Amino acid sequence: MLASVLLDACSRAGISFYTGVPDSLLKALCNELYTRYGTDTDTHVVAHNEGGAIALCAGHYLASGKPGLCYMQNSGLGNAVNPLASLMDPEVYAIPCLLVIGWRGEPGVKDEPQHVKQGAVTLGQLDLLGIPCRVLSPDTSDAEFLNDFRDLCSALNSGKTAALVIRKGALQSDCKPVYGNSYLLPRETAAGVILSASSPDDVFVSTTGKLSREIFELRESRGEGHSRDFLTVGSMGHAAMIALRIAVEKPDRKVWCLDGDGAALMHLGALPVIGRRLPGNLIHVIINNGAHETVGGMPVCGGAMDIPALAFASGYPTVFSADSEETLRKILAESLPEAAGPVLIEVKCACGSRADLGRPTTTPVDNRNAMMDFLRN
């Protein structure tokens, strides 16, 4: 089904505000929204996390009396549970909202390990929250969808949140927006430069998405093994806290957190926590390409945000920014050795990755065990 059919049905139902966090299964919807409304406009806002998107819908309803649409990957339900249960629920404020949820890890459909558990519990989680839902499949006709949509609108009109769960391939779009930025440094090149600047005893914690996949393949190409790297394949936004605690408990090790701008924005409160604890052995690298690239490329909500200034204001004693390979190499070779930690390095990178970029071939448990052995030894 075309995503335009969904948006047109929303418009007829009085839904005129859209917000959320992009998902690969919702790429068609995101492309359609971006083409129609852009981002960070009065009509469409890419939120920092899913809970914040629910709150935006609550504010929209209070101001307009109309429900909003909140899109997310099903992993985002974890971020959204609190406002769904304690703000939107009919037993609290009874604020309606239409959820559009990408069903990653659907039982019987091959997916990455971080999605398996969430996929298995998605429908049950919605049921537990008392949220009526309908599932959109690749073979759902427009007429079937519109009939289901009327049922969901009935729930919205009674003050309930309702959900449309999207199976893989269920939404299509004729829109093909070009996402990108003006930066030239490839992310994989930056990651390689950083790995080359590290010592054999250093520890790496990398964020979810293509960056961790690139770290894995760089290690493979170098024949270095993977025991030094914890690849945070799920839990978007939490790599910094994982790295912080390792740095505190292993003060003799240099710990690198390789983060993304979208991930850092999702839980920005990590910065002042790190700034308060001040682990001198932590180097927090934020790859800034201004995009949710792994799930389609839609711009993040950061806009003109000054990441180094935020980190400095949060207590990081040393911050840097690099927008070229030359500048990054200079920071790592000349400035970093004398810098007081924790250190924040923003690396401005181009969007895009190799077409043949693979995925880790080890399991998450293998990754955990190898990292723990490395830290013990």
Protein backbone atom coordinates (compact mmCIF):
# COMPACT_ATOMS: atom_id res chain seq x y z
CA MET A 1 0.00 0.00 0.00
CA LEU A 2 1.23 3.49 -0.73
CA ALA A 3 2.13 5.60 2.29
CA SER A 4 0.19 8.41 0.65
CA VAL A 5 -3.02 6.44 1.21
CA LEU A 6 -2.31 6.41 4.95
CA LEU A 7 -1.52 10.13 5.07
CA ASP A 8 -4.56 11.03 3.01
CA ALA A 9 -6.76 8.99 5.37
CA CYS A 10 -5.20 10.82 8.31
CA SER A 11 -5.93 14.18 6.72
CA ARG A 12 -9.58 13.26 6.20
CA ALA A 13 -9.77 12.15 9.85
CA GLY A 14 -8.45 15.50 11.10
CA ILE A 15 -4.93 14.27 11.91
CA SER A 16 -2.61 17.05 10.82
CA PHE A 17 0.45 16.75 13.08
CA TYR A 18 3.15 14.10 12.63
CA THR A 19 6.15 13.28 14.79
CA GLY A 20 8.37 10.36 15.70
CA VAL A 21 11.72 8.66 15.22
CA PRO A 22 12.47 7.12 11.78
CA ASP A 23 12.49 3.35 11.21
CA SER A 24 13.60 1.32 8.20
CA LEU A 25 10.20 -0.40 7.89
CA LEU A 26 8.62 3.05 7.83
CA LYS A 27 11.01 4.51 5.25
CA ALA A 28 8.17 4.98 2.75
CA LEU A 29 6.15 6.92 5.32
CA CYS A 30 9.17 9.01 6.32
CA ASN A 31 9.98 9.80 2.69
CA GLU A 32 6.37 10.86 2.11
CA LEU A 33 6.32 13.03 5.23
CA TYR A 34 9.64 14.66 4.33
CA THR A 35 8.46 15.37 0.78
CA ARG A 36 5.12 16.83 1.89
CA TYR A 37 6.07 18.67 5.05
CA GLY A 38 9.85 18.73 5.51
CA THR A 39 11.12 18.33 9.07
CA ASP A 40 10.96 20.53 12.16
CA THR A 41 7.92 22.37 10.79
CA ASP A 42 4.53 23.12 12.32
CA THR A 43 3.25 19.91 10.71
CA HIS A 44 6.13 17.43 11.06
CA VAL A 45 8.79 17.13 13.77
CA VAL A 46 11.51 14.48 13.97
CA ALA A 47 11.73 13.96 17.73
CA HIS A 48 14.77 13.17 19.88
CA ASN A 49 13.15 9.98 21.18
CA GLU A 50 9.78 8.24 21.09
CA GLY A 51 8.66 9.33 24.55
CA GLY A 52 9.26 12.93 23.55
CA ALA A 53 7.24 12.38 20.38
CA ILE A 54 4.29 11.11 22.46
CA ALA A 55 4.53 14.27 24.59
CA LEU A 56 4.49 16.42 21.44
CA CYS A 57 1.27 14.69 20.41
CA ALA A 58 -0.16 15.39 23.86
CA GLY A 59 0.65 19.09 23.51
CA HIS A 60 -0.87 19.13 20.05
CA TYR A 61 -4.11 17.60 21.34
CA LEU A 62 -4.32 20.04 24.24
CA ALA A 63 -3.87 22.99 21.86
CA SER A 64 -6.03 21.77 18.96
CA GLY A 65 -8.36 19.09 20.26
CA LYS A 66 -7.10 16.76 17.54
CA PRO A 67 -4.93 13.63 17.80
CA GLY A 68 -1.47 13.50 16.29
CA LEU A 69 0.37 10.66 14.58
CA CYS A 70 3.50 9.26 16.22
CA TYR A 71 5.71 6.90 14.19
CA MET A 72 8.42 4.65 15.62
CA GLN A 73 10.21 1.33 15.40
CA ASN A 74 8.74 -1.19 17.87
CA SER A 75 11.94 -0.91 19.92
CA GLY A 76 10.83 2.66 20.58
CA LEU A 77 7.85 1.41 22.55
CA GLY A 78 10.23 1.09 25.48
CA ASN A 79 10.88 4.84 25.41
CA ALA A 80 7.17 5.52 24.93
CA VAL A 81 5.69 3.31 27.67
CA ASN A 82 5.89 5.91 30.43
CA PRO A 83 3.97 8.71 28.66
CA LEU A 84 1.58 6.18 27.09
CA ALA A 85 0.70 4.76 30.52
CA SER A 86 0.96 7.82 32.76
CA LEU A 87 -0.11 10.63 30.41
CA MET A 88 -2.18 9.43 27.45
CA ASP A 89 -4.07 6.55 29.07
CA PRO A 90 -7.89 6.84 29.44
CA GLU A 91 -7.49 6.46 33.22
CA VAL A 92 -5.24 9.51 33.35
CA TYR A 93 -5.74 12.35 30.78
CA ALA A 94 -7.38 10.27 28.04
CA ILE A 95 -5.35 11.92 25.27
CA PRO A 96 -5.67 10.10 21.95
CA CYS A 97 -2.79 9.49 19.58
CA LEU A 98 -2.32 7.30 16.51
CA LEU A 99 0.83 5.18 16.70
CA VAL A 100 2.41 3.84 13.50
CA ILE A 101 4.88 1.15 14.52
CA GLY A 102 7.42 -0.72 12.38
CA TRP A 103 7.35 -4.39 13.40
CA ARG A 104 11.01 -5.39 13.49
CA GLY A 105 11.70 -8.93 14.68
CA GLU A 106 8.25 -10.20 13.78
CA PRO A 107 8.10 -13.91 14.69
CA GLY A 108 8.91 -16.01 11.63
CA VAL A 109 10.63 -13.16 9.80
CA LYS A 110 14.44 -13.17 9.75
CA ASP A 111 15.91 -10.12 11.49
CA GLU A 112 18.87 -9.01 13.58
CA PRO A 113 19.22 -10.42 17.14
CA GLN A 114 18.49 -7.12 18.89
CA HIS A 115 14.98 -7.14 17.38
CA VAL A 116 13.93 -10.69 18.21
CA LYS A 117 12.61 -10.17 21.74
CA GLN A 118 10.87 -6.89 20.97
CA GLY A 119 9.30 -8.39 17.89
CA ALA A 120 7.91 -11.30 19.87
CA VAL A 121 6.27 -9.08 22.50
CA THR A 122 5.09 -6.14 20.36
CA LEU A 123 1.43 -7.07 20.04
CA GLY A 124 1.28 -8.29 23.63
CA GLN A 125 2.85 -5.07 24.84
CA LEU A 126 0.19 -3.02 23.08
CA ASP A 127 -2.51 -5.28 24.50
CA LEU A 128 -1.07 -4.91 28.01
CA LEU A 129 -1.20 -1.13 27.60
CA GLY A 130 -4.81 -1.35 26.45
CA ILE A 131 -3.98 0.06 23.00
CA PRO A 132 -6.16 -1.35 20.21
CA CYS A 133 -4.15 -2.15 17.09
CA ARG A 134 -4.43 -3.32 13.51
CA VAL A 135 -1.66 -4.96 11.48
CA LEU A 136 -0.84 -3.71 7.98
CA SER A 137 0.60 -6.44 5.72
CA PRO A 138 2.05 -6.30 2.20
CA ASP A 139 -1.14 -7.90 0.87
CA THR A 140 -3.53 -5.55 2.71
CA SER A 141 -5.75 -3.83 0.17
CA ASP A 142 -6.63 -0.16 0.35
CA ALA A 143 -10.22 -1.07 1.17
CA GLU A 144 -9.15 -3.38 4.02
CA PHE A 145 -6.86 -0.69 5.38
CA LEU A 146 -9.56 1.98 5.28
CA ASN A 147 -11.93 -0.34 7.15
CA ASP A 148 -9.29 -0.95 9.84
CA PHE A 149 -8.49 2.76 9.92
CA ARG A 150 -12.12 3.58 10.69
CA ASP A 151 -11.93 1.22 13.68
CA LEU A 152 -8.78 2.96 14.92
CA CYS A 153 -10.44 6.36 14.49
CA SER A 154 -13.34 5.17 16.62
CA ALA A 155 -10.86 4.41 19.39
CA LEU A 156 -9.25 7.83 18.96
CA ASN A 157 -12.63 9.51 19.19
CA SER A 158 -13.24 7.79 22.53
CA GLY A 159 -10.02 9.20 24.01
CA LYS A 160 -7.81 6.16 23.43
CA THR A 161 -4.44 5.78 21.79
CA ALA A 162 -4.59 3.33 18.86
CA ALA A 163 -1.85 1.65 16.83
CA LEU A 164 -1.18 0.60 13.27
CA VAL A 165 1.57 -2.07 13.24
CA ILE A 166 3.49 -2.20 9.96
CA ARG A 167 4.91 -5.46 8.65
CA LYS A 168 8.03 -5.48 6.47
CA GLY A 169 7.20 -4.34 2.95
CA ALA A 170 3.68 -3.19 3.79
CA LEU A 171 4.26 0.48 2.93
CA GLN A 172 5.57 1.82 -0.37
CA SER A 173 6.22 5.32 -1.68
CA ASP A 174 6.90 6.98 -5.00
CA CYS A 175 8.83 9.73 -3.16
CA LYS A 176 12.62 9.49 -3.35
CA PRO A 177 14.01 12.49 -1.45
CA VAL A 178 17.76 13.07 -1.47
CA TYR A 179 19.12 13.22 2.06
CA GLY A 180 22.63 14.39 2.83
CA ASN A 181 24.91 17.16 4.07
CA SER A 182 27.90 19.18 2.90
CA TYR A 183 30.58 17.20 4.78
CA LEU A 184 33.10 15.10 2.84
CA LEU A 185 34.73 12.78 5.38
CA PRO A 186 33.36 9.21 5.07
CA ARG A 187 32.36 7.76 8.43
CA GLU A 188 34.24 4.51 7.81
CA THR A 189 37.41 6.46 7.03
CA ALA A 190 37.02 8.39 10.30
CA ALA A 191 36.49 5.16 12.21
CA GLY A 192 39.64 3.69 10.69
CA VAL A 193 41.67 6.75 11.67
CA ILE A 194 40.40 6.47 15.25
CA LEU A 195 41.21 2.75 15.49
CA SER A 196 44.73 3.44 14.19
CA ALA A 197 45.24 6.09 16.87
CA SER A 198 44.37 3.70 19.71
CA SER A 199 46.60 1.45 21.80
CA PRO A 200 46.29 -2.36 22.07
CA ASP A 201 44.80 -2.15 25.58
CA ASP A 202 42.14 0.42 24.67
CA VAL A 203 38.45 -0.48 24.88
CA PHE A 204 35.79 0.56 22.35
CA VAL A 205 32.02 0.85 22.84
CA SER A 206 30.23 1.67 19.58
CA THR A 207 26.66 2.73 19.02
CA THR A 208 23.88 0.94 17.17
CA GLY A 209 23.68 1.22 13.41
CA LYS A 210 26.16 1.28 10.56
CA LEU A 211 29.04 2.56 12.69
CA SER A 212 29.25 -0.70 14.65
CA ARG A 213 29.04 -2.66 11.40
CA GLU A 214 31.94 -0.63 10.04
CA ILE A 215 34.00 -1.17 13.19
CA PHE A 216 33.46 -4.92 12.86
CA GLU A 217 34.53 -4.96 9.21
CA LEU A 218 37.53 -2.73 9.85
CA ARG A 219 38.76 -5.16 12.49
CA GLU A 220 38.20 -8.04 10.06
CA SER A 221 40.20 -6.33 7.31
CA ARG A 222 43.02 -5.59 9.74
CA GLY A 223 43.05 -9.10 11.21
CA GLU A 224 42.77 -7.61 14.70
CA GLY A 225 39.96 -9.64 16.22
CA HIS A 226 36.94 -8.22 18.02
CA SER A 227 37.60 -8.63 21.73
CA ARG A 228 38.31 -4.91 22.26
CA ASP A 229 34.96 -3.77 20.89
CA PHE A 230 31.52 -3.86 22.46
CA LEU A 231 29.08 -3.39 19.59
CA THR A 232 25.89 -1.94 21.06
CA VAL A 233 23.67 -3.33 18.31
CA GLY A 234 20.47 -2.32 20.15
CA SER A 235 19.63 0.13 22.95
CA MET A 236 20.02 3.24 20.84
CA GLY A 237 21.44 6.14 22.84
CA HIS A 238 22.93 4.10 25.68
CA ALA A 239 26.49 3.45 24.45
CA ALA A 240 27.81 6.44 26.41
CA MET A 241 26.55 5.11 29.74
CA ILE A 242 28.00 1.67 29.03
CA ALA A 243 31.34 3.27 28.22
CA LEU A 244 31.20 5.52 31.29
CA ARG A 245 30.86 2.64 33.72
CA ILE A 246 33.62 0.62 32.05
CA ALA A 247 35.88 3.68 32.23
CA VAL A 248 35.16 4.16 35.94
CA GLU A 249 35.73 0.51 36.81
CA LYS A 250 38.82 0.14 34.60
CA PRO A 251 40.73 3.39 35.21
CA ASP A 252 43.92 1.89 33.76
CA ARG A 253 42.26 1.46 30.36
CA LYS A 254 41.48 4.15 27.82
CA VAL A 255 37.83 3.78 26.84
CA TRP A 256 36.51 5.11 23.54
CA CYS A 257 32.78 5.64 23.05
CA LEU A 258 32.00 5.83 19.34
CA ASP A 259 28.59 7.46 19.29
CA GLY A 260 26.24 8.89 16.68
CA ASP A 261 24.49 12.24 16.68
CA GLY A 262 21.01 10.67 16.52
CA ALA A 263 21.89 8.26 19.32
CA ALA A 264 23.41 10.99 21.50
CA LEU A 265 20.33 13.18 20.99
CA MET A 266 18.04 10.34 22.05
CA HIS A 267 19.45 10.40 25.60
CA LEU A 268 21.32 13.68 25.81
CA GLY A 269 21.22 13.57 29.61
CA ALA A 270 24.23 11.24 29.45
CA LEU A 271 26.49 14.25 28.85
CA PRO A 272 26.07 15.89 32.28
CA VAL A 273 26.31 12.48 33.98
CA ILE A 274 29.71 11.99 32.35
CA GLY A 275 30.65 15.61 33.06
CA ARG A 276 29.84 15.14 36.75
CA ARG A 277 31.79 11.88 37.09
CA LEU A 278 34.81 13.16 35.08
CA PRO A 279 36.50 9.89 34.06
CA GLY A 280 39.88 11.01 32.75
CA ASN A 281 40.25 7.89 30.60
CA LEU A 282 37.04 8.33 28.54
CA ILE A 283 37.09 9.66 24.97
CA HIS A 284 33.57 10.31 23.67
CA VAL A 285 33.48 10.55 19.89
CA ILE A 286 30.21 11.69 18.31
CA ILE A 287 29.96 11.06 14.58
CA ASN A 288 27.78 13.91 13.32
CA ASN A 289 26.22 13.46 9.89
CA GLY A 290 22.90 15.10 10.80
CA ALA A 291 20.91 12.05 9.75
CA HIS A 292 19.19 8.88 10.92
CA GLU A 293 21.15 7.20 8.16
CA THR A 294 20.82 3.55 9.18
CA VAL A 295 17.02 3.72 8.89
CA GLY A 296 16.73 5.76 5.71
CA GLY A 297 18.55 9.08 6.07
CA MET A 298 15.91 11.48 7.41
CA PRO A 299 17.54 14.44 9.23
CA VAL A 300 17.92 14.26 13.01
CA CYS A 301 16.35 16.90 15.21
CA GLY A 302 19.69 18.49 16.07
CA GLY A 303 19.70 21.19 13.44
CA ALA A 304 22.26 23.84 14.33
CA MET A 305 23.04 22.29 17.73
CA ASP A 306 26.66 22.86 18.82
CA ILE A 307 27.67 19.45 20.15
CA PRO A 308 31.09 20.49 21.56
CA ALA A 309 29.50 23.48 23.33
CA LEU A 310 26.88 21.20 24.88
CA ALA A 311 29.55 18.82 26.12
CA PHE A 312 31.64 21.66 27.54
CA ALA A 313 28.59 23.11 29.30
CA SER A 314 27.90 19.63 30.70
CA GLY A 315 31.32 19.47 32.34
CA TYR A 316 33.65 17.91 29.77
CA PRO A 317 36.95 19.75 30.30
CA THR A 318 38.15 19.22 26.72
CA VAL A 319 36.20 19.32 23.45
CA PHE A 320 37.26 19.20 19.81
CA SER A 321 35.56 19.24 16.41
CA ALA A 322 36.88 17.84 13.14
CA ASP A 323 35.41 18.03 9.65
CA SER A 324 38.26 16.47 7.68
CA GLU A 325 40.60 13.50 7.92
CA GLU A 326 43.57 15.83 8.30
CA THR A 327 42.01 17.70 11.23
CA LEU A 328 40.98 14.46 12.92
CA ARG A 329 44.46 12.98 12.60
CA LYS A 330 45.97 16.16 14.04
CA ILE A 331 43.64 16.16 17.03
CA LEU A 332 44.35 12.50 17.77
CA ALA A 333 48.12 12.79 17.35
CA GLU A 334 48.88 16.23 18.80
CA SER A 335 46.05 17.46 21.04
CA LEU A 336 44.55 14.34 22.56
CA PRO A 337 47.65 13.00 24.38
CA GLU A 338 47.86 16.15 26.54
CA ALA A 339 44.11 16.67 26.97
CA ALA A 340 42.31 16.38 30.29
CA GLY A 341 39.50 13.85 30.15
CA PRO A 342 36.78 13.11 29.60
CA VAL A 343 37.25 14.35 26.06
CA LEU A 344 34.50 15.00 23.50
CA ILE A 345 35.42 14.83 19.82
CA GLU A 346 32.77 15.74 17.28
CA VAL A 347 33.56 14.32 13.83
CA LYS A 348 31.48 15.81 11.02
CA CYS A 349 31.00 13.09 8.42
CA ALA A 350 29.25 12.64 5.10
CA CYS A 351 26.12 10.53 4.81
CA GLY A 352 26.39 7.19 3.08
CA SER A 353 28.22 3.90 3.40
CA ARG A 354 29.59 1.12 1.22
CA ALA A 355 26.90 -0.77 -0.68
CA ASP A 356 28.51 -4.06 0.39
CA LEU A 357 28.72 -3.19 4.10
CA GLY A 358 28.09 -6.39 6.03
CA ARG A 359 26.92 -7.18 9.55
CA PRO A 360 28.75 -8.72 12.51
CA THR A 361 29.13 -12.47 12.10
CA THR A 362 29.52 -13.10 15.83
CA THR A 363 26.57 -13.29 18.22
CA PRO A 364 25.91 -10.65 20.89
CA VAL A 365 26.75 -13.21 23.59
CA ASP A 366 30.05 -13.99 21.84
CA ASN A 367 30.75 -10.26 21.75
CA ARG A 368 29.94 -9.92 25.47
CA ASN A 369 32.15 -12.85 26.47
CA ALA A 370 35.10 -11.67 24.37
CA MET A 371 34.89 -8.17 25.85
CA MET A 372 34.70 -9.47 29.42
CA ASP A 373 37.70 -11.72 28.85
CA PHE A 374 39.61 -8.78 27.38
CA LEU A 375 38.79 -6.57 30.38
CA ARG A 376 39.80 -9.29 32.85
CA ASN A 377 43.13 -9.89 31.14
